[in-house]
């Protein structure tokens, strides 16, 4: 997979708009259609919200291009939070919008979420 961009930043709701704009731009660059770009932005946002609720203070998002757009959203530092009621909704959205979602756990805690959106045919 050819890496397009990596973003590392402190987690906070004030960063979400910037991350969503970057995700949309990279999706267009990778050849995704409008619907897939929008779905990808939602998946990135929900992934970040999951990490925030788990107590991560920072995140790294890696975008890669290989027949579409691959995304890996990873918490940085220690996770201090426990699962929240809202997590069920976030996981449901992720799996409804993308069938390639992969959840990674370390020591029983959520660590990263990966997914891929294919190019528009």
N, C-alpha and C. Protein backbone atom coordinates (compact mmCIF):
# COMPACT_ATOMS: atom_id res chain seq x y z
N UNK A 1 0.85 -1.18 0.00
CA UNK A 1 0.00 0.00 0.00
C UNK A 1 0.90 1.24 0.00
N UNK A 2 0.63 2.16 -0.89
CA UNK A 2 1.37 3.41 -0.99
C UNK A 2 0.81 4.40 0.02
N UNK A 3 1.66 4.84 0.96
CA UNK A 3 1.20 5.79 1.97
C UNK A 3 1.00 7.17 1.36
N UNK A 4 -0.17 7.73 1.59
CA UNK A 4 -0.48 9.07 1.11
C UNK A 4 -0.15 10.14 2.14
N UNK A 5 -0.55 9.88 3.39
CA UNK A 5 -0.38 10.87 4.44
C UNK A 5 -0.59 10.23 5.80
N UNK A 6 0.11 10.75 6.78
CA UNK A 6 -0.11 10.37 8.17
C UNK A 6 -0.35 11.64 8.98
N UNK A 7 -1.40 11.63 9.77
CA UNK A 7 -1.72 12.75 10.65
C UNK A 7 -1.58 12.28 12.09
N UNK A 8 -0.82 13.00 12.89
CA UNK A 8 -0.73 12.74 14.33
C UNK A 8 -1.14 14.02 15.04
N UNK A 9 -2.05 13.88 16.02
CA UNK A 9 -2.57 15.08 16.65
C UNK A 9 -3.19 14.73 18.00
N UNK A 10 -3.29 15.74 18.90
CA UNK A 10 -4.00 15.52 20.15
C UNK A 10 -5.48 15.37 19.86
N UNK A 11 -6.10 14.43 20.52
CA UNK A 11 -7.53 14.19 20.30
C UNK A 11 -8.37 15.29 20.94
N UNK A 12 -9.35 15.74 20.21
CA UNK A 12 -10.27 16.75 20.72
C UNK A 12 -11.30 17.06 19.65
N UNK A 13 -12.47 17.46 20.08
CA UNK A 13 -13.54 17.75 19.12
C UNK A 13 -13.19 18.91 18.20
N UNK A 14 -12.27 19.78 18.62
CA UNK A 14 -11.89 20.92 17.79
C UNK A 14 -11.07 20.50 16.56
N UNK A 15 -10.59 19.27 16.52
CA UNK A 15 -9.80 18.78 15.37
C UNK A 15 -10.65 18.04 14.34
N UNK A 16 -11.87 17.70 14.68
CA UNK A 16 -12.69 16.84 13.83
C UNK A 16 -12.96 17.43 12.44
N UNK A 17 -13.25 18.71 12.36
CA UNK A 17 -13.53 19.33 11.06
C UNK A 17 -12.31 19.25 10.15
N UNK A 18 -11.15 19.53 10.69
CA UNK A 18 -9.92 19.47 9.89
C UNK A 18 -9.66 18.05 9.40
N UNK A 19 -9.84 17.08 10.28
CA UNK A 19 -9.61 15.68 9.90
C UNK A 19 -10.62 15.25 8.84
N UNK A 20 -11.87 15.66 8.99
CA UNK A 20 -12.89 15.29 7.99
C UNK A 20 -12.57 15.91 6.62
N UNK A 21 -12.11 17.15 6.60
CA UNK A 21 -11.73 17.78 5.34
C UNK A 21 -10.55 17.06 4.69
N UNK A 22 -9.55 16.72 5.48
CA UNK A 22 -8.39 15.99 4.95
C UNK A 22 -8.82 14.63 4.41
N UNK A 23 -9.70 13.93 5.13
CA UNK A 23 -10.18 12.62 4.69
C UNK A 23 -10.92 12.73 3.36
N UNK A 24 -11.78 13.71 3.23
CA UNK A 24 -12.51 13.90 1.97
C UNK A 24 -11.58 14.19 0.81
N UNK A 25 -10.58 15.05 1.04
CA UNK A 25 -9.63 15.37 -0.01
C UNK A 25 -8.80 14.17 -0.43
N UNK A 26 -8.35 13.38 0.53
CA UNK A 26 -7.57 12.18 0.21
C UNK A 26 -8.43 11.13 -0.48
N UNK A 27 -9.70 11.04 -0.09
CA UNK A 27 -10.61 10.11 -0.76
C UNK A 27 -10.78 10.48 -2.22
N UNK A 28 -10.93 11.76 -2.51
CA UNK A 28 -11.05 12.22 -3.90
C UNK A 28 -9.76 11.94 -4.66
N UNK A 29 -8.62 12.18 -4.02
CA UNK A 29 -7.32 11.91 -4.63
C UNK A 29 -7.15 10.43 -4.97
N UNK A 30 -7.71 9.56 -4.12
CA UNK A 30 -7.61 8.11 -4.32
C UNK A 30 -8.66 7.58 -5.30
N UNK A 31 -9.53 8.47 -5.80
CA UNK A 31 -10.51 8.06 -6.80
C UNK A 31 -11.83 7.57 -6.26
N UNK A 32 -12.14 7.86 -5.00
CA UNK A 32 -13.42 7.45 -4.43
C UNK A 32 -14.54 8.34 -4.96
N UNK A 33 -15.73 7.77 -5.05
CA UNK A 33 -16.91 8.54 -5.40
C UNK A 33 -17.37 9.35 -4.19
N UNK A 34 -18.32 10.24 -4.42
CA UNK A 34 -18.81 11.12 -3.36
C UNK A 34 -19.38 10.36 -2.17
N UNK A 35 -20.20 9.33 -2.43
CA UNK A 35 -20.80 8.56 -1.34
C UNK A 35 -19.74 7.86 -0.50
N UNK A 36 -18.74 7.25 -1.15
CA UNK A 36 -17.68 6.59 -0.41
C UNK A 36 -16.84 7.59 0.39
N UNK A 37 -16.60 8.77 -0.18
CA UNK A 37 -15.87 9.81 0.57
C UNK A 37 -16.63 10.20 1.84
N UNK A 38 -17.94 10.39 1.70
CA UNK A 38 -18.75 10.74 2.87
C UNK A 38 -18.76 9.62 3.90
N UNK A 39 -18.92 8.38 3.44
CA UNK A 39 -18.90 7.24 4.36
C UNK A 39 -17.55 7.11 5.06
N UNK A 40 -16.47 7.36 4.32
CA UNK A 40 -15.13 7.29 4.89
C UNK A 40 -14.96 8.34 5.98
N UNK A 41 -15.46 9.56 5.74
CA UNK A 41 -15.37 10.62 6.74
C UNK A 41 -16.12 10.23 8.02
N UNK A 42 -17.28 9.61 7.87
CA UNK A 42 -18.04 9.16 9.04
C UNK A 42 -17.26 8.08 9.79
N UNK A 43 -16.66 7.15 9.06
CA UNK A 43 -15.89 6.07 9.70
C UNK A 43 -14.69 6.63 10.47
N UNK A 44 -14.00 7.60 9.89
CA UNK A 44 -12.86 8.21 10.57
C UNK A 44 -13.35 8.93 11.84
N UNK A 45 -14.42 9.69 11.72
CA UNK A 45 -14.96 10.41 12.87
C UNK A 45 -15.37 9.46 13.98
N UNK A 46 -16.11 8.42 13.65
CA UNK A 46 -16.56 7.46 14.67
C UNK A 46 -15.38 6.74 15.31
N UNK A 47 -14.36 6.43 14.52
CA UNK A 47 -13.16 5.79 15.06
C UNK A 47 -12.47 6.70 16.08
N UNK A 48 -12.36 7.98 15.74
CA UNK A 48 -11.75 8.93 16.67
C UNK A 48 -12.58 9.08 17.94
N UNK A 49 -13.90 9.11 17.80
CA UNK A 49 -14.77 9.20 18.98
C UNK A 49 -14.61 7.99 19.88
N UNK A 50 -14.49 6.81 19.29
CA UNK A 50 -14.25 5.60 20.08
C UNK A 50 -12.95 5.73 20.88
N UNK A 51 -11.89 6.20 20.23
CA UNK A 51 -10.61 6.36 20.92
C UNK A 51 -10.70 7.41 22.02
N UNK A 52 -11.39 8.52 21.75
CA UNK A 52 -11.55 9.57 22.76
C UNK A 52 -12.28 9.03 23.99
N UNK A 53 -13.36 8.29 23.75
CA UNK A 53 -14.13 7.75 24.87
C UNK A 53 -13.34 6.71 25.65
N UNK A 54 -12.36 6.10 25.03
CA UNK A 54 -11.50 5.13 25.71
C UNK A 54 -10.35 5.79 26.45
N UNK A 55 -10.27 7.11 26.38
CA UNK A 55 -9.28 7.84 27.18
C UNK A 55 -7.98 8.16 26.47
N UNK A 56 -7.88 7.87 25.19
CA UNK A 56 -6.65 8.25 24.48
C UNK A 56 -6.59 9.77 24.37
N UNK A 57 -5.41 10.30 24.49
CA UNK A 57 -5.21 11.75 24.39
C UNK A 57 -4.72 12.18 23.02
N UNK A 58 -4.24 11.23 22.21
CA UNK A 58 -3.73 11.55 20.88
C UNK A 58 -4.06 10.41 19.93
N UNK A 59 -4.00 10.71 18.64
CA UNK A 59 -4.29 9.69 17.62
C UNK A 59 -3.36 9.88 16.43
N UNK A 60 -3.21 8.80 15.69
CA UNK A 60 -2.49 8.83 14.43
C UNK A 60 -3.39 8.20 13.38
N UNK A 61 -3.56 8.89 12.27
CA UNK A 61 -4.34 8.35 11.15
C UNK A 61 -3.38 8.19 9.98
N UNK A 62 -3.34 6.99 9.44
CA UNK A 62 -2.52 6.73 8.26
C UNK A 62 -3.44 6.43 7.10
N UNK A 63 -3.26 7.18 6.03
CA UNK A 63 -4.03 7.00 4.81
C UNK A 63 -3.11 6.38 3.76
N UNK A 64 -3.58 5.33 3.11
CA UNK A 64 -2.79 4.70 2.06
C UNK A 64 -3.63 4.43 0.84
N UNK A 65 -2.97 4.40 -0.30
CA UNK A 65 -3.67 4.18 -1.56
C UNK A 65 -3.26 2.85 -2.16
N UNK A 66 -4.26 2.02 -2.38
CA UNK A 66 -4.08 0.75 -3.08
C UNK A 66 -5.46 0.32 -3.55
N UNK A 67 -5.77 0.63 -4.79
CA UNK A 67 -7.08 0.31 -5.34
C UNK A 67 -8.20 0.93 -4.50
N UNK A 68 -7.98 2.16 -4.08
CA UNK A 68 -8.92 2.86 -3.24
C UNK A 68 -8.19 3.57 -2.12
N UNK A 69 -8.82 3.68 -0.97
CA UNK A 69 -8.23 4.37 0.17
C UNK A 69 -8.28 3.47 1.40
N UNK A 70 -7.12 3.17 1.94
CA UNK A 70 -7.02 2.42 3.20
C UNK A 70 -6.79 3.40 4.33
N UNK A 71 -7.42 3.18 5.46
CA UNK A 71 -7.31 4.09 6.60
C UNK A 71 -7.07 3.27 7.86
N UNK A 72 -6.10 3.74 8.66
CA UNK A 72 -5.84 3.14 9.97
C UNK A 72 -5.87 4.27 10.99
N UNK A 73 -6.77 4.16 11.97
CA UNK A 73 -6.91 5.15 13.03
C UNK A 73 -6.44 4.48 14.32
N UNK A 74 -5.39 5.04 14.90
CA UNK A 74 -4.75 4.39 16.06
C UNK A 74 -4.61 5.36 17.22
N UNK A 75 -4.95 4.88 18.42
CA UNK A 75 -4.76 5.68 19.62
C UNK A 75 -3.30 5.70 19.99
N UNK A 76 -2.82 6.85 20.47
CA UNK A 76 -1.44 6.97 20.90
C UNK A 76 -1.40 7.22 22.40
N UNK A 77 -0.47 6.58 23.06
CA UNK A 77 -0.35 6.70 24.50
C UNK A 77 -1.16 5.61 25.18
N UNK A 78 -1.49 5.86 26.40
CA UNK A 78 -2.23 4.88 27.20
C UNK A 78 -3.73 5.13 27.14
N UNK A 79 -4.48 4.04 27.11
CA UNK A 79 -5.93 4.12 27.16
C UNK A 79 -6.35 4.04 28.62
N UNK A 80 -7.10 5.03 29.06
CA UNK A 80 -7.51 5.07 30.47
C UNK A 80 -9.01 4.88 30.65
N UNK A 81 -9.76 4.90 29.56
CA UNK A 81 -11.21 4.84 29.67
C UNK A 81 -11.77 3.46 29.45
N UNK A 82 -12.96 3.28 29.91
CA UNK A 82 -13.68 2.01 29.73
C UNK A 82 -14.69 2.17 28.60
N UNK A 83 -15.17 1.06 28.05
CA UNK A 83 -16.20 1.16 27.02
C UNK A 83 -17.39 1.98 27.51
N UNK A 84 -17.98 2.73 26.58
CA UNK A 84 -19.14 3.57 26.91
C UNK A 84 -20.37 3.06 26.17
N UNK A 85 -21.54 3.48 26.62
CA UNK A 85 -22.79 3.08 25.97
C UNK A 85 -22.83 3.49 24.50
N UNK A 86 -22.24 4.65 24.19
CA UNK A 86 -22.25 5.15 22.82
C UNK A 86 -21.40 4.31 21.87
N UNK A 87 -20.50 3.49 22.40
CA UNK A 87 -19.62 2.69 21.56
C UNK A 87 -20.40 1.74 20.66
N UNK A 88 -21.48 1.21 21.16
CA UNK A 88 -22.30 0.29 20.37
C UNK A 88 -22.81 0.96 19.09
N UNK A 89 -23.20 2.21 19.20
CA UNK A 89 -23.67 2.95 18.03
C UNK A 89 -22.53 3.18 17.06
N UNK A 90 -21.36 3.56 17.57
CA UNK A 90 -20.20 3.79 16.71
C UNK A 90 -19.80 2.52 15.97
N UNK A 91 -19.75 1.39 16.67
CA UNK A 91 -19.40 0.13 16.01
C UNK A 91 -20.44 -0.26 14.97
N UNK A 92 -21.71 -0.01 15.26
CA UNK A 92 -22.78 -0.32 14.31
C UNK A 92 -22.64 0.54 13.05
N UNK A 93 -22.34 1.81 13.21
CA UNK A 93 -22.13 2.69 12.05
C UNK A 93 -20.95 2.23 11.22
N UNK A 94 -19.85 1.92 11.88
CA UNK A 94 -18.65 1.47 11.17
C UNK A 94 -18.94 0.24 10.31
N UNK A 95 -19.57 -0.74 10.91
CA UNK A 95 -19.82 -1.99 10.16
C UNK A 95 -20.93 -1.85 9.13
N UNK A 96 -21.85 -0.90 9.34
CA UNK A 96 -22.90 -0.67 8.35
C UNK A 96 -22.35 0.04 7.12
N UNK A 97 -21.37 0.92 7.32
CA UNK A 97 -20.83 1.70 6.21
C UNK A 97 -19.68 1.01 5.48
N UNK A 98 -19.07 0.02 6.13
CA UNK A 98 -17.91 -0.62 5.52
C UNK A 98 -17.81 -2.07 5.98
N UNK A 99 -17.64 -2.98 5.03
CA UNK A 99 -17.56 -4.40 5.41
C UNK A 99 -16.13 -4.88 5.61
N UNK A 100 -15.16 -3.96 5.58
CA UNK A 100 -13.77 -4.37 5.79
C UNK A 100 -13.19 -3.81 7.09
N UNK A 101 -14.03 -3.48 8.04
CA UNK A 101 -13.56 -2.90 9.30
C UNK A 101 -12.81 -3.96 10.11
N UNK A 102 -11.63 -3.57 10.58
CA UNK A 102 -10.82 -4.45 11.42
C UNK A 102 -10.50 -3.71 12.72
N UNK A 103 -10.88 -4.31 13.83
CA UNK A 103 -10.65 -3.73 15.16
C UNK A 103 -9.44 -4.42 15.77
N UNK A 104 -8.48 -3.62 16.26
CA UNK A 104 -7.30 -4.18 16.91
C UNK A 104 -7.34 -3.84 18.40
N UNK A 105 -7.10 -4.86 19.20
CA UNK A 105 -7.03 -4.69 20.64
C UNK A 105 -5.62 -5.03 21.11
N UNK A 106 -5.16 -4.31 22.13
CA UNK A 106 -3.89 -4.61 22.80
C UNK A 106 -4.19 -4.74 24.28
N UNK A 107 -3.80 -5.86 24.83
CA UNK A 107 -4.03 -6.11 26.25
C UNK A 107 -5.49 -5.92 26.62
N UNK A 108 -6.38 -6.37 25.73
CA UNK A 108 -7.81 -6.30 25.98
C UNK A 108 -8.45 -4.94 25.79
N UNK A 109 -7.69 -3.98 25.27
CA UNK A 109 -8.23 -2.63 25.08
C UNK A 109 -8.17 -2.24 23.60
N UNK A 110 -9.16 -1.47 23.16
CA UNK A 110 -9.20 -0.98 21.80
C UNK A 110 -7.93 -0.18 21.51
N UNK A 111 -7.25 -0.51 20.41
CA UNK A 111 -6.01 0.19 20.07
C UNK A 111 -6.08 0.87 18.70
N UNK A 112 -6.73 0.21 17.72
CA UNK A 112 -6.76 0.77 16.37
C UNK A 112 -7.96 0.22 15.60
N UNK A 113 -8.37 0.99 14.60
CA UNK A 113 -9.47 0.60 13.71
C UNK A 113 -8.97 0.85 12.29
N UNK A 114 -9.13 -0.17 11.43
CA UNK A 114 -8.70 -0.06 10.04
C UNK A 114 -9.87 -0.39 9.11
N UNK A 115 -9.88 0.24 7.95
CA UNK A 115 -10.90 -0.06 6.94
C UNK A 115 -10.40 0.44 5.59
N UNK A 116 -11.08 0.02 4.54
CA UNK A 116 -10.69 0.41 3.19
C UNK A 116 -11.94 0.65 2.36
N UNK A 117 -11.86 1.69 1.53
CA UNK A 117 -12.92 1.99 0.57
C UNK A 117 -12.31 1.86 -0.82
N UNK A 118 -13.01 1.13 -1.72
CA UNK A 118 -12.51 0.90 -3.07
C UNK A 118 -12.80 2.06 -4.00
N UNK A 119 -12.05 2.07 -5.12
CA UNK A 119 -12.26 3.09 -6.14
C UNK A 119 -13.62 2.94 -6.79
N UNK A 120 -14.15 4.05 -7.24
CA UNK A 120 -15.41 4.04 -7.99
C UNK A 120 -15.14 3.42 -9.35
N UNK A 121 -15.98 2.46 -9.74
CA UNK A 121 -15.81 1.77 -11.04
C UNK A 121 -16.40 2.58 -12.15
